[in-house]
Amino acid sequence: MLLDSHGRRITYLRVSVTDRCNLRCLYCSRHRFQWLPPEEILTYEEIARVVRVAVELGVERVRLTGGEPLLRRGLPGLIRMLADIEGLRDLSLTTNGVLLSDLASELKAAGLARVNVSLDTLDPEKFKRITGMDALARVLAGVEAALARGLTPVKINTVVVRGLNEEEVPEMARLTLSEPLHLRFIEFMPIGEGNEWEDRFVGLEEVMERVREVGDLLPAEVEGGGPARIFRLPGARGTIGFIAAISRHFCAACNRLRLTPEGRLRLCLFSDREFDLRPYLRREEDLRQALAEAVRLKPVSRAGTRPRRLMRSIGG
């Protein structure tokens, strides 16, 4: 198994298949930088090789992310490769949902188990202002398609930002009353930039109080290895989770790594420090040793790491 030097077992790998995105969200830095040249992006065969070796070493869960992963052509082909890997227990994908309704059936047929959809508002005008695209209806259609095609449980990732959407928390929570959605409120991470977003942080204790305007929060249990504290409103079909990425960080139990589109292993999701796997991709034995060595360098906590650029959340 993959063990870091602090005794944590690594079982979760996030794979960024592209750095490109079709949205231009106000608080995301991706659009400020040039996209990677296509020749620098790992091929699907290379991604599958890394995942296969990681699973041999103990990784059990893989999530495909981006940028926006559904922008990459032929993604169902990669999903089929990964779904065939023996020992991989869970294969999921995080998306902004804009393209999901068109691809949900194909993704399910390829072997994808479930999806997370990033959605911060139910107001069309606010959605357009936040993302730069008038596409809320398309995102909601994508959520409906995922539910209909069995890409479940469908999780909704909502990052709460002061002055932007904190007033919508009760409305978002009500979604779980009528639909079998697993809503996740995530603390905004205003780190690494030192700009006007630093005072937009909303702690999850405040978010929980806003949810209680809808009803009592009853403890609930769901399958999964994430850091969310899970609850259910009385009579609700879905659940509500709270991920305290800042106020109650979960470094001591961290079990995850991220593979960047160009083949670098990020050991801490809050840090830009990376381990380049590309020189080891030709031989699986070399890759196996490189992965094991990289994991031993995983920091005990995010304290002292070089902070990442301002990003939306830990969900992408």
Foldseek 3Di string as FASTA:
>chain_A
DFAAQLGAAAAEEEEAQFAAAPWDFPQACSVVDDGDPPVLFDDLVLVLLLLLLVQVVHHAEYEYEHNAVVVDPPVLVSLLSNQPRPRHHAYEYEHCQLCQLVCLQSNVVSPHQAYEHEDADPDQVLVCVRTVDSRSVSNVSNVVSNVVNRRPPYEYEHEQWAPRRLLCLQVVLCVQAVDAYEYEYEWFDQPDPPDPRPPGTDFVVSSVVSNCVNHDWAFDDDDDDDDWRWTHGVNGNYIYTYHGCDPDNDLQNDNYWYAHRSAWIHLDLQAPDTHHQVVQSPDSVSSSVSVSVVSNVRDSDCVPGNGDRRRGGPRD
